[in-house]
């Protein structure tokens, strides 16, 4: 259904975040709908146990065959509203404050 890749810089960022914050726990990348009306998708990092009582709101994507050292979840509202591209790459970028954050690009528009 969805094709997700991660560039090397983003993968290193995720691994470092895990080592610094949750060294004993599995980490997940969450594509979250941050506005009630939709349209804004933000990537967030959490411990897997954060999802334990939220499975009705988020769907886990099957990325086990990718060998990612993390799980990937997506807000069901994003899927329902067709706001999520079919092919994405997780990347790093600078936000307006100059902080490094996770983001993604739609590969169908990049190639």
PDB file of N, CA and C in Angstrom:
ATOM      1  N   UNK A   1       0.818  -1.188   0.000  1.00  0.00           N
ATOM      2  CA  UNK A   1       0.000   0.000   0.000  1.00  0.00           C
ATOM      3  C   UNK A   1       0.866   1.258   0.000  1.00  0.00           C
ATOM      4  N   UNK A   2       1.724   1.409   1.010  1.00  0.00           N
ATOM      5  CA  UNK A   2       2.611   2.566   1.061  1.00  0.00           C
ATOM      6  C   UNK A   2       4.058   2.111   0.946  1.00  0.00           C
ATOM      7  N   UNK A   3       4.847   2.885   0.243  1.00  0.00           N
ATOM      8  CA  UNK A   3       6.274   2.615   0.097  1.00  0.00           C
ATOM      9  C   UNK A   3       7.017   3.697   0.873  1.00  0.00           C
ATOM     10  N   UNK A   4       7.746   3.278   1.905  1.00  0.00           N
ATOM     11  CA  UNK A   4       8.449   4.221   2.772  1.00  0.00           C
ATOM     12  C   UNK A   4       9.935   3.900   2.755  1.00  0.00           C
ATOM     13  N   UNK A   5      10.742   4.922   2.550  1.00  0.00           N
ATOM     14  CA  UNK A   5      12.189   4.780   2.658  1.00  0.00           C
ATOM     15  C   UNK A   5      12.690   5.851   3.628  1.00  0.00           C
ATOM     16  N   UNK A   6      13.932   5.698   4.052  1.00  0.00           N
ATOM     17  CA  UNK A   6      14.545   6.630   4.991  1.00  0.00           C
ATOM     18  C   UNK A   6      15.936   6.954   4.483  1.00  0.00           C
ATOM     19  N   UNK A   7      16.261   8.255   4.349  1.00  0.00           N
ATOM     20  CA  UNK A   7      17.618   8.565   3.919  1.00  0.00           C
ATOM     21  C   UNK A   7      18.583   8.355   5.090  1.00  0.00           C
ATOM     22  N   UNK A   8      19.870   8.292   4.791  1.00  0.00           N
ATOM     23  CA  UNK A   8      20.877   7.960   5.803  1.00  0.00           C
ATOM     24  C   UNK A   8      20.915   8.959   6.949  1.00  0.00           C
ATOM     25  N   UNK A   9      20.767  10.242   6.653  1.00  0.00           N
ATOM     26  CA  UNK A   9      20.812  11.274   7.693  1.00  0.00           C
ATOM     27  C   UNK A   9      19.633  11.129   8.652  1.00  0.00           C
ATOM     28  N   UNK A  10      18.451  10.873   8.113  1.00  0.00           N
ATOM     29  CA  UNK A  10      17.265  10.705   8.963  1.00  0.00           C
ATOM     30  C   UNK A  10      17.383   9.441   9.811  1.00  0.00           C
ATOM     31  N   UNK A  11      17.909   8.374   9.222  1.00  0.00           N
ATOM     32  CA  UNK A  11      18.089   7.132   9.976  1.00  0.00           C
ATOM     33  C   UNK A  11      19.059   7.346  11.132  1.00  0.00           C
ATOM     34  N   UNK A  12      20.153   8.047  10.898  1.00  0.00           N
ATOM     35  CA  UNK A  12      21.119   8.344  11.966  1.00  0.00           C
ATOM     36  C   UNK A  12      20.471   9.208  13.048  1.00  0.00           C
ATOM     37  N   UNK A  13      19.647  10.174  12.649  1.00  0.00           N
ATOM     38  CA  UNK A  13      18.938  11.047  13.597  1.00  0.00           C
ATOM     39  C   UNK A  13      18.002  10.226  14.485  1.00  0.00           C
ATOM     40  N   UNK A  14      17.257   9.304  13.886  1.00  0.00           N
ATOM     41  CA  UNK A  14      16.321   8.467  14.639  1.00  0.00           C
ATOM     42  C   UNK A  14      17.077   7.564  15.613  1.00  0.00           C
ATOM     43  N   UNK A  15      18.154   6.949  15.148  1.00  0.00           N
ATOM     44  CA  UNK A  15      18.943   6.079  16.025  1.00  0.00           C
ATOM     45  C   UNK A  15      19.535   6.854  17.194  1.00  0.00           C
ATOM     46  N   UNK A  16      20.054   8.049  16.932  1.00  0.00           N
ATOM     47  CA  UNK A  16      20.623   8.873  18.005  1.00  0.00           C
ATOM     48  C   UNK A  16      19.547   9.289  18.995  1.00  0.00           C
ATOM     49  N   UNK A  17      18.375   9.658  18.484  1.00  0.00           N
ATOM     50  CA  UNK A  17      17.265  10.022  19.362  1.00  0.00           C
ATOM     51  C   UNK A  17      16.917   8.862  20.288  1.00  0.00           C
ATOM     52  N   UNK A  18      16.868   7.663  19.731  1.00  0.00           N
ATOM     53  CA  UNK A  18      16.562   6.495  20.550  1.00  0.00           C
ATOM     54  C   UNK A  18      17.639   6.270  21.602  1.00  0.00           C
ATOM     55  N   UNK A  19      18.899   6.322  21.199  1.00  0.00           N
ATOM     56  CA  UNK A  19      20.003   6.109  22.143  1.00  0.00           C
ATOM     57  C   UNK A  19      19.980   7.137  23.266  1.00  0.00           C
ATOM     58  N   UNK A  20      19.676   8.382  22.929  1.00  0.00           N
ATOM     59  CA  UNK A  20      19.688   9.464  23.916  1.00  0.00           C
ATOM     60  C   UNK A  20      18.459   9.482  24.816  1.00  0.00           C
ATOM     61  N   UNK A  21      17.320   9.001  24.311  1.00  0.00           N
ATOM     62  CA  UNK A  21      16.067   9.151  25.051  1.00  0.00           C
ATOM     63  C   UNK A  21      15.435   7.850  25.521  1.00  0.00           C
ATOM     64  N   UNK A  22      15.505   6.807  24.732  1.00  0.00           N
ATOM     65  CA  UNK A  22      14.843   5.541  25.055  1.00  0.00           C
ATOM     66  C   UNK A  22      15.754   4.360  24.736  1.00  0.00           C
ATOM     67  N   UNK A  23      16.931   4.290  25.335  1.00  0.00           N
ATOM     68  CA  UNK A  23      17.892   3.254  24.923  1.00  0.00           C
ATOM     69  C   UNK A  23      17.407   1.824  25.145  1.00  0.00           C
ATOM     70  N   UNK A  24      16.487   1.616  26.067  1.00  0.00           N
ATOM     71  CA  UNK A  24      16.003   0.261  26.373  1.00  0.00           C
ATOM     72  C   UNK A  24      14.702  -0.077  25.653  1.00  0.00           C
ATOM     73  N   UNK A  25      14.121   0.869  24.953  1.00  0.00           N
ATOM     74  CA  UNK A  25      12.803   0.667  24.355  1.00  0.00           C
ATOM     75  C   UNK A  25      12.863   0.714  22.837  1.00  0.00           C
ATOM     76  N   UNK A  26      11.900   0.024  22.215  1.00  0.00           N
ATOM     77  CA  UNK A  26      11.744   0.151  20.769  1.00  0.00           C
ATOM     78  C   UNK A  26      11.098   1.497  20.480  1.00  0.00           C
ATOM     79  N   UNK A  27      11.520   2.108  19.415  1.00  0.00           N
ATOM     80  CA  UNK A  27      11.008   3.425  19.046  1.00  0.00           C
ATOM     81  C   UNK A  27      10.107   3.290  17.823  1.00  0.00           C
ATOM     82  N   UNK A  28       9.185   4.231  17.693  1.00  0.00           N
ATOM     83  CA  UNK A  28       8.320   4.252  16.513  1.00  0.00           C
ATOM     84  C   UNK A  28       8.323   5.658  15.913  1.00  0.00           C
ATOM     85  N   UNK A  29       8.098   5.714  14.611  1.00  0.00           N
ATOM     86  CA  UNK A  29       7.882   6.975  13.907  1.00  0.00           C
ATOM     87  C   UNK A  29       6.380   7.082  13.687  1.00  0.00           C
ATOM     88  N   UNK A  30       5.808   8.188  14.119  1.00  0.00           N
ATOM     89  CA  UNK A  30       4.374   8.396  13.987  1.00  0.00           C
ATOM     90  C   UNK A  30       4.104   9.538  13.021  1.00  0.00           C
ATOM     91  N   UNK A  31       3.320   9.262  11.997  1.00  0.00           N
ATOM     92  CA  UNK A  31       2.825  10.306  11.103  1.00  0.00           C
ATOM     93  C   UNK A  31       1.504  10.757  11.705  1.00  0.00           C
ATOM     94  N   UNK A  32       1.512  11.952  12.305  1.00  0.00           N
ATOM     95  CA  UNK A  32       0.355  12.428  13.051  1.00  0.00           C
ATOM     96  C   UNK A  32      -0.336  13.569  12.334  1.00  0.00           C
ATOM     97  N   UNK A  33      -1.656  13.575  12.410  1.00  0.00           N
ATOM     98  CA  UNK A  33      -2.477  14.670  11.906  1.00  0.00           C
ATOM     99  C   UNK A  33      -2.572  15.679  13.043  1.00  0.00           C
ATOM    100  N   UNK A  34      -1.904  16.819  12.909  1.00  0.00           N
ATOM    101  CA  UNK A  34      -1.837  17.746  14.036  1.00  0.00           C
ATOM    102  C   UNK A  34      -2.932  18.803  14.034  1.00  0.00           C
ATOM    103  N   UNK A  35      -3.790  18.815  13.039  1.00  0.00           N
ATOM    104  CA  UNK A  35      -4.915  19.743  13.014  1.00  0.00           C
ATOM    105  C   UNK A  35      -6.215  18.975  12.898  1.00  0.00           C
ATOM    106  N   UNK A  36      -7.212  19.403  13.593  1.00  0.00           N
ATOM    107  CA  UNK A  36      -8.500  18.704  13.598  1.00  0.00           C
ATOM    108  C   UNK A  36      -9.098  18.612  12.201  1.00  0.00           C
ATOM    109  N   UNK A  37      -8.842  19.601  11.360  1.00  0.00           N
ATOM    110  CA  UNK A  37      -9.413  19.595  10.023  1.00  0.00           C
ATOM    111  C   UNK A  37      -8.518  18.911   9.007  1.00  0.00           C
ATOM    112  N   UNK A  38      -7.383  18.419   9.437  1.00  0.00           N
ATOM    113  CA  UNK A  38      -6.490  17.692   8.545  1.00  0.00           C
ATOM    114  C   UNK A  38      -5.607  18.605   7.715  1.00  0.00           C
ATOM    115  N   UNK A  39      -4.782  17.970   6.913  1.00  0.00           N
ATOM    116  CA  UNK A  39      -3.936  18.713   6.006  1.00  0.00           C
ATOM    117  C   UNK A  39      -2.511  18.892   6.468  1.00  0.00           C
ATOM    118  N   UNK A  40      -2.251  18.811   7.756  1.00  0.00           N
ATOM    119  CA  UNK A  40      -0.893  18.975   8.267  1.00  0.00           C
ATOM    120  C   UNK A  40      -0.447  17.645   8.859  1.00  0.00           C
ATOM    121  N   UNK A  41       0.597  17.073   8.286  1.00  0.00           N
ATOM    122  CA  UNK A  41       1.128  15.797   8.762  1.00  0.00           C
ATOM    123  C   UNK A  41       2.505  16.061   9.340  1.00  0.00           C
ATOM    124  N   UNK A  42       2.697  15.637  10.573  1.00  0.00           N
ATOM    125  CA  UNK A  42       3.954  15.864  11.268  1.00  0.00           C
ATOM    126  C   UNK A  42       4.518  14.520  11.705  1.00  0.00           C
ATOM    127  N   UNK A  43       5.828  14.366  11.633  1.00  0.00           N
ATOM    128  CA  UNK A  43       6.493  13.157  12.103  1.00  0.00           C
ATOM    129  C   UNK A  43       6.920  13.353  13.545  1.00  0.00           C
ATOM    130  N   UNK A  44       6.626  12.354  14.366  1.00  0.00           N
ATOM    131  CA  UNK A  44       6.988  12.397  15.775  1.00  0.00           C
ATOM    132  C   UNK A  44       7.600  11.064  16.164  1.00  0.00           C
ATOM    133  N   UNK A  45       8.476  11.073  17.149  1.00  0.00           N
ATOM    134  CA  UNK A  45       9.127   9.857  17.641  1.00  0.00           C
ATOM    135  C   UNK A  45       8.618   9.537  19.039  1.00  0.00           C
ATOM    136  N   UNK A  46       8.256   8.273  19.256  1.00  0.00           N
ATOM    137  CA  UNK A  46       7.756   7.820  20.550  1.00  0.00           C
ATOM    138  C   UNK A  46       8.271   6.432  20.848  1.00  0.00           C
ATOM    139  N   UNK A  47       8.149   6.030  22.122  1.00  0.00           N
ATOM    140  CA  UNK A  47       8.373   4.640  22.492  1.00  0.00           C
ATOM    141  C   UNK A  47       7.186   3.825  21.993  1.00  0.00           C
ATOM    142  N   UNK A  48       7.448   2.577  21.647  1.00  0.00           N
ATOM    143  CA  UNK A  48       6.357   1.724  21.153  1.00  0.00           C
ATOM    144  C   UNK A  48       5.238   1.620  22.180  1.00  0.00           C
ATOM    145  N   UNK A  49       5.555   1.565  23.463  1.00  0.00           N
ATOM    146  CA  UNK A  49       4.490   1.394  24.452  1.00  0.00           C
ATOM    147  C   UNK A  49       3.539   2.599  24.499  1.00  0.00           C
ATOM    148  N   UNK A  50       3.923   3.729  23.899  1.00  0.00           N
ATOM    149  CA  UNK A  50       3.025   4.873  23.759  1.00  0.00           C
ATOM    150  C   UNK A  50       1.785   4.482  22.969  1.00  0.00           C
ATOM    151  N   UNK A  51       1.929   3.528  22.056  1.00  0.00           N
ATOM    152  CA  UNK A  51       0.836   3.133  21.171  1.00  0.00           C
ATOM    153  C   UNK A  51      -0.096   2.107  21.806  1.00  0.00           C
ATOM    154  N   UNK A  52       0.229   1.593  22.977  1.00  0.00           N
ATOM    155  CA  UNK A  52      -0.495   0.450  23.539  1.00  0.00           C
ATOM    156  C   UNK A  52      -2.006   0.655  23.639  1.00  0.00           C
ATOM    157  N   UNK A  53      -2.462   1.837  23.964  1.00  0.00           N
ATOM    158  CA  UNK A  53      -3.905   2.063  24.066  1.00  0.00           C
ATOM    159  C   UNK A  53      -4.420   2.995  22.967  1.00  0.00           C
ATOM    160  N   UNK A  54      -3.649   3.140  21.902  1.00  0.00           N
ATOM    161  CA  UNK A  54      -4.028   4.056  20.827  1.00  0.00           C
ATOM    162  C   UNK A  54      -4.188   3.366  19.471  1.00  0.00           C
ATOM    163  N   UNK A  55      -4.239   2.047  19.451  1.00  0.00           N
ATOM    164  CA  UNK A  55      -4.305   1.325  18.187  1.00  0.00           C
ATOM    165  C   UNK A  55      -5.582   1.607  17.407  1.00  0.00           C
ATOM    166  N   UNK A  56      -6.626   2.062  18.078  1.00  0.00           N
ATOM    167  CA  UNK A  56      -7.847   2.382  17.351  1.00  0.00           C
ATOM    168  C   UNK A  56      -7.702   3.680  16.564  1.00  0.00           C
ATOM    169  N   UNK A  57      -6.756   4.519  16.934  1.00  0.00           N
ATOM    170  CA  UNK A  57      -6.567   5.809  16.262  1.00  0.00           C
ATOM    171  C   UNK A  57      -5.426   5.788  15.237  1.00  0.00           C
ATOM    172  N   UNK A  58      -4.485   4.858  15.400  1.00  0.00           N
ATOM    173  CA  UNK A  58      -3.317   4.779  14.521  1.00  0.00           C
ATOM    174  C   UNK A  58      -3.198   3.390  13.914  1.00  0.00           C
ATOM    175  N   UNK A  59      -2.674   3.330  12.725  1.00  0.00           N
ATOM    176  CA  UNK A  59      -2.471   2.063  12.029  1.00  0.00           C
ATOM    177  C   UNK A  59      -0.981   1.825  11.858  1.00  0.00           C
ATOM    178  N   UNK A  60      -0.536   0.618  12.197  1.00  0.00           N
ATOM    179  CA  UNK A  60       0.868   0.280  11.995  1.00  0.00           C
ATOM    180  C   UNK A  60       1.076  -0.139  10.550  1.00  0.00           C
ATOM    181  N   UNK A  61       2.097   0.425   9.931  1.00  0.00           N
ATOM    182  CA  UNK A  61       2.449   0.054   8.567  1.00  0.00           C
ATOM    183  C   UNK A  61       3.452  -1.086   8.615  1.00  0.00           C
ATOM    184  N   UNK A  62       3.383  -1.960   7.645  1.00  0.00           N
ATOM    185  CA  UNK A  62       4.282  -3.110   7.601  1.00  0.00           C
ATOM    186  C   UNK A  62       5.605  -2.691   6.969  1.00  0.00           C
ATOM    187  N   UNK A  63       6.600  -2.437   7.805  1.00  0.00           N
ATOM    188  CA  UNK A  63       7.929  -2.056   7.306  1.00  0.00           C
ATOM    189  C   UNK A  63       8.995  -3.058   7.765  1.00  0.00           C
ATOM    190  N   UNK A  64       8.562  -4.197   8.285  1.00  0.00           N
ATOM    191  CA  UNK A  64       9.517  -5.184   8.790  1.00  0.00           C
ATOM    192  C   UNK A  64      10.484  -5.643   7.709  1.00  0.00           C
ATOM    193  N   UNK A  65      10.000  -5.767   6.482  1.00  0.00           N
ATOM    194  CA  UNK A  65      10.865  -6.215   5.400  1.00  0.00           C
ATOM    195  C   UNK A  65      11.885  -5.149   4.999  1.00  0.00           C
ATOM    196  N   UNK A  66      11.718  -3.931   5.460  1.00  0.00           N
ATOM    197  CA  UNK A  66      12.671  -2.855   5.167  1.00  0.00           C
ATOM    198  C   UNK A  66      13.882  -2.911   6.094  1.00  0.00           C
ATOM    199  N   UNK A  67      13.768  -3.620   7.202  1.00  0.00           N
ATOM    200  CA  UNK A  67      14.869  -3.699   8.141  1.00  0.00           C
ATOM    201  C   UNK A  67      15.027  -2.445   8.981  1.00  0.00           C
ATOM    202  N   UNK A  68      13.986  -1.622   9.066  1.00  0.00           N
ATOM    203  CA  UNK A  68      14.063  -0.419   9.896  1.00  0.00           C
ATOM    204  C   UNK A  68      14.182  -0.820  11.366  1.00  0.00           C
ATOM    205  N   UNK A  69      14.988  -0.091  12.127  1.00  0.00           N
ATOM    206  CA  UNK A  69      15.092  -0.384  13.565  1.00  0.00           C
ATOM    207  C   UNK A  69      13.982   0.318  14.356  1.00  0.00           C
ATOM    208  N   UNK A  70      12.860   0.564  13.723  1.00  0.00           N
ATOM    209  CA  UNK A  70      11.737   1.242  14.366  1.00  0.00           C
ATOM    210  C   UNK A  70      10.451   0.841  13.647  1.00  0.00           C
ATOM    211  N   UNK A  71       9.329   1.009  14.331  1.00  0.00           N
ATOM    212  CA  UNK A  71       8.029   0.788  13.711  1.00  0.00           C
ATOM    213  C   UNK A  71       7.533   2.088  13.098  1.00  0.00           C
ATOM    214  N   UNK A  72       6.535   1.979  12.221  1.00  0.00           N
ATOM    215  CA  UNK A  72       5.943   3.157  11.589  1.00  0.00           C
ATOM    216  C   UNK A  72       4.430   3.090  11.773  1.00  0.00           C
ATOM    217  N   UNK A  73       3.872   4.147  12.333  1.00  0.00           N
ATOM    218  CA  UNK A  73       2.432   4.262  12.522  1.00  0.00           C
ATOM    219  C   UNK A  73       1.937   5.505  11.803  1.00  0.00           C
ATOM    220  N   UNK A  74       0.686   5.445  11.362  1.00  0.00           N
ATOM    221  CA  UNK A  74       0.084   6.587  10.692  1.00  0.00           C
ATOM    222  C   UNK A  74      -1.303   6.831  11.288  1.00  0.00           C
ATOM    223  N   UNK A  75      -1.621   8.081  11.480  1.00  0.00           N
ATOM    224  CA  UNK A  75      -2.925   8.497  11.974  1.00  0.00           C
ATOM    225  C   UNK A  75      -3.990   8.032  10.979  1.00  0.00           C
ATOM    226  N   UNK A  76      -4.971   7.293  11.436  1.00  0.00           N
ATOM    227  CA  UNK A  76      -6.017   6.772  10.548  1.00  0.00           C
ATOM    228  C   UNK A  76      -6.785   7.893   9.830  1.00  0.00           C
ATOM    229  N   UNK A  77      -6.879   9.053  10.448  1.00  0.00           N
ATOM    230  CA  UNK A  77      -7.576  10.178   9.821  1.00  0.00           C
ATOM    231  C   UNK A  77      -6.857  10.625   8.554  1.00  0.00           C
ATOM    232  N   UNK A  78      -5.530  10.557   8.561  1.00  0.00           N
ATOM    233  CA  UNK A  78      -4.736  10.915   7.384  1.00  0.00           C
ATOM    234  C   UNK A  78      -5.060   9.962   6.229  1.00  0.00           C
ATOM    235  N   UNK A  79      -5.149   8.680   6.542  1.00  0.00           N
ATOM    236  CA  UNK A  79      -5.476   7.683   5.518  1.00  0.00           C
ATOM    237  C   UNK A  79      -6.902   7.912   5.009  1.00  0.00           C
ATOM    238  N   UNK A  80      -7.815   8.100   5.939  1.00  0.00           N
ATOM    239  CA  UNK A  80      -9.220   8.284   5.575  1.00  0.00           C
ATOM    240  C   UNK A  80      -9.422   9.508   4.683  1.00  0.00           C
ATOM    241  N   UNK A  81      -8.670  10.583   4.946  1.00  0.00           N
ATOM    242  CA  UNK A  81      -8.791  11.815   4.165  1.00  0.00           C
ATOM    243  C   UNK A  81      -7.921  11.811   2.910  1.00  0.00           C
ATOM    244  N   UNK A  82      -7.237  10.699   2.641  1.00  0.00           N
ATOM    245  CA  UNK A  82      -6.344  10.573   1.482  1.00  0.00           C
ATOM    246  C   UNK A  82      -5.278  11.674   1.453  1.00  0.00           C
ATOM    247  N   UNK A  83      -4.676  11.937   2.599  1.00  0.00           N
ATOM    248  CA  UNK A  83      -3.666  12.990   2.712  1.00  0.00           C
ATOM    249  C   UNK A  83      -2.245  12.437   2.709  1.00  0.00           C
ATOM    250  N   UNK A  84      -2.096  11.136   2.586  1.00  0.00           N
ATOM    251  CA  UNK A  84      -0.773  10.535   2.690  1.00  0.00           C
ATOM    252  C   UNK A  84      -0.336  10.008   1.341  1.00  0.00           C
ATOM    253  N   UNK A  85       0.823  10.438   0.837  1.00  0.00           N
ATOM    254  CA  UNK A  85       1.316   9.952  -0.455  1.00  0.00           C
ATOM    255  C   UNK A  85       1.633   8.460  -0.398  1.00  0.00           C
ATOM    256  N   UNK A  86       1.579   7.818  -1.545  1.00  0.00           N
ATOM    257  CA  UNK A  86       1.855   6.384  -1.599  1.00  0.00           C
ATOM    258  C   UNK A  86       3.343   6.071  -1.479  1.00  0.00           C
ATOM    259  N   UNK A  87       4.197   6.982  -1.956  1.00  0.00           N
ATOM    260  CA  UNK A  87       5.656   6.759  -1.904  1.00  0.00           C
ATOM    261  C   UNK A  87       6.316   7.955  -1.232  1.00  0.00           C
ATOM    262  N   UNK A  88       6.921   7.696  -0.078  1.00  0.00           N
ATOM    263  CA  UNK A  88       7.582   8.795   0.633  1.00  0.00           C
ATOM    264  C   UNK A  88       8.985   8.390   1.059  1.00  0.00           C
ATOM    265  N   UNK A  89       9.772   9.410   1.336  1.00  0.00           N
ATOM    266  CA  UNK A  89      11.085   9.215   1.932  1.00  0.00           C
ATOM    267  C   UNK A  89      11.160  10.090   3.175  1.00  0.00           C
ATOM    268  N   UNK A  90      11.525   9.484   4.311  1.00  0.00           N
ATOM    269  CA  UNK A  90      11.727  10.235   5.541  1.00  0.00           C
ATOM    270  C   UNK A  90      13.073  10.923   5.437  1.00  0.00           C
ATOM    271  N   UNK A  91      13.080  12.238   5.704  1.00  0.00           N
ATOM    272  CA  UNK A  91      14.284  13.058   5.558  1.00  0.00           C
ATOM    273  C   UNK A  91      14.440  13.957   6.783  1.00  0.00           C
ATOM    274  N   UNK A  92      15.542  14.674   6.822  1.00  0.00           N
ATOM    275  CA  UNK A  92      15.748  15.725   7.824  1.00  0.00           C
ATOM    276  C   UNK A  92      15.629  17.071   7.148  1.00  0.00           C
ATOM    277  N   UNK A  93      15.160  18.059   7.899  1.00  0.00           N
ATOM    278  CA  UNK A  93      15.152  19.431   7.411  1.00  0.00           C
ATOM    279  C   UNK A  93      15.245  20.360   8.604  1.00  0.00           C
ATOM    280  N   UNK A  94      15.439  21.612   8.339  1.00  0.00           N
ATOM    281  CA  UNK A  94      15.461  22.632   9.389  1.00  0.00           C
ATOM    282  C   UNK A  94      14.081  23.277   9.465  1.00  0.00           C
ATOM    283  N   UNK A  95      13.581  23.469  10.698  1.00  0.00           N
ATOM    284  CA  UNK A  95      12.317  24.176  10.830  1.00  0.00           C
ATOM    285  C   UNK A  95      12.593  25.685  10.833  1.00  0.00           C
ATOM    286  N   UNK A  96      11.560  26.472  11.013  1.00  0.00           N
ATOM    287  CA  UNK A  96      11.728  27.926  10.936  1.00  0.00           C
ATOM    288  C   UNK A  96      12.603  28.477  12.051  1.00  0.00           C
ATOM    289  N   UNK A  97      12.813  27.712  13.122  1.00  0.00           N
ATOM    290  CA  UNK A  97      13.699  28.122  14.218  1.00  0.00           C
ATOM    291  C   UNK A  97      15.141  27.686  13.970  1.00  0.00           C
ATOM    292  N   UNK A  98      15.341  26.885  12.932  1.00  0.00           N
ATOM    293  CA  UNK A  98      16.669  26.378  12.637  1.00  0.00           C
ATOM    294  C   UNK A  98      16.979  25.044  13.279  1.00  0.00           C
ATOM    295  N   UNK A  99      15.978  24.442  13.948  1.00  0.00           N
ATOM    296  CA  UNK A  99      16.169  23.137  14.572  1.00  0.00           C
ATOM    297  C   UNK A  99      16.025  22.037  13.522  1.00  0.00           C
ATOM    298  N   UNK A 100      16.790  20.977  13.681  1.00  0.00           N
ATOM    299  CA  UNK A 100      16.685  19.832  12.782  1.00  0.00           C
ATOM    300  C   UNK A 100      15.485  18.995  13.197  1.00  0.00           C
ATOM    301  N   UNK A 101      14.629  18.681  12.225  1.00  0.00           N
ATOM    302  CA  UNK A 101      13.434  17.886  12.483  1.00  0.00           C
ATOM    303  C   UNK A 101      13.274  16.823  11.396  1.00  0.00           C
ATOM    304  N   UNK A 102      12.498  15.800  11.727  1.00  0.00           N
ATOM    305  CA  UNK A 102      12.135  14.805  10.720  1.00  0.00           C
ATOM    306  C   UNK A 102      11.019  15.357   9.846  1.00  0.00           C
ATOM    307  N   UNK A 103      11.089  15.048   8.581  1.00  0.00           N
ATOM    308  CA  UNK A 103      10.047  15.426   7.646  1.00  0.00           C
ATOM    309  C   UNK A 103       9.992  14.328   6.591  1.00  0.00           C
ATOM    310  N   UNK A 104       9.190  14.520   5.588  1.00  0.00           N
ATOM    311  CA  UNK A 104       9.140  13.549   4.504  1.00  0.00           C
ATOM    312  C   UNK A 104       8.900  14.276   3.197  1.00  0.00           C
ATOM    313  N   UNK A 105       9.269  13.594   2.130  1.00  0.00           N
ATOM    314  CA  UNK A 105       8.991  14.140   0.809  1.00  0.00           C
ATOM    315  C   UNK A 105       8.214  13.095   0.010  1.00  0.00           C
ATOM    316  N   UNK A 106       7.354  13.596  -0.838  1.00  0.00           N
ATOM    317  CA  UNK A 106       6.547  12.763  -1.721  1.00  0.00           C
ATOM    318  C   UNK A 106       7.399  12.418  -2.934  1.00  0.00           C
ATOM    319  N   UNK A 107       7.775  11.157  -3.063  1.00  0.00           N
ATOM    320  CA  UNK A 107       8.674  10.740  -4.129  1.00  0.00           C
ATOM    321  C   UNK A 107       8.032  10.852  -5.518  1.00  0.00           C
ATOM    322  N   UNK A 108       6.728  10.850  -5.576  1.00  0.00           N
ATOM    323  CA  UNK A 108       6.061  10.990  -6.876  1.00  0.00           C
ATOM    324  C   UNK A 108       6.239  12.387  -7.463  1.00  0.00           C
ATOM    325  N   UNK A 109       6.566  13.367  -6.625  1.00  0.00           N
ATOM    326  CA  UNK A 109       6.793  14.729  -7.115  1.00  0.00           C
ATOM    327  C   UNK A 109       8.263  15.097  -7.143  1.00  0.00           C
ATOM    328  N   UNK A 110       9.122  14.257  -6.615  1.00  0.00           N
ATOM    329  CA  UNK A 110      10.552  14.559  -6.534  1.00  0.00           C
ATOM    330  C   UNK A 110      11.329  13.994  -7.703  1.00  0.00           C
ATOM    331  N   UNK A 111      10.790  12.994  -8.384  1.00  0.00           N
ATOM    332  CA  UNK A 111      11.559  12.325  -9.435  1.00  0.00           C
ATOM    333  C   UNK A 111      11.150  12.820 -10.800  1.00  0.00           C
TER     334      UNK A 111
END
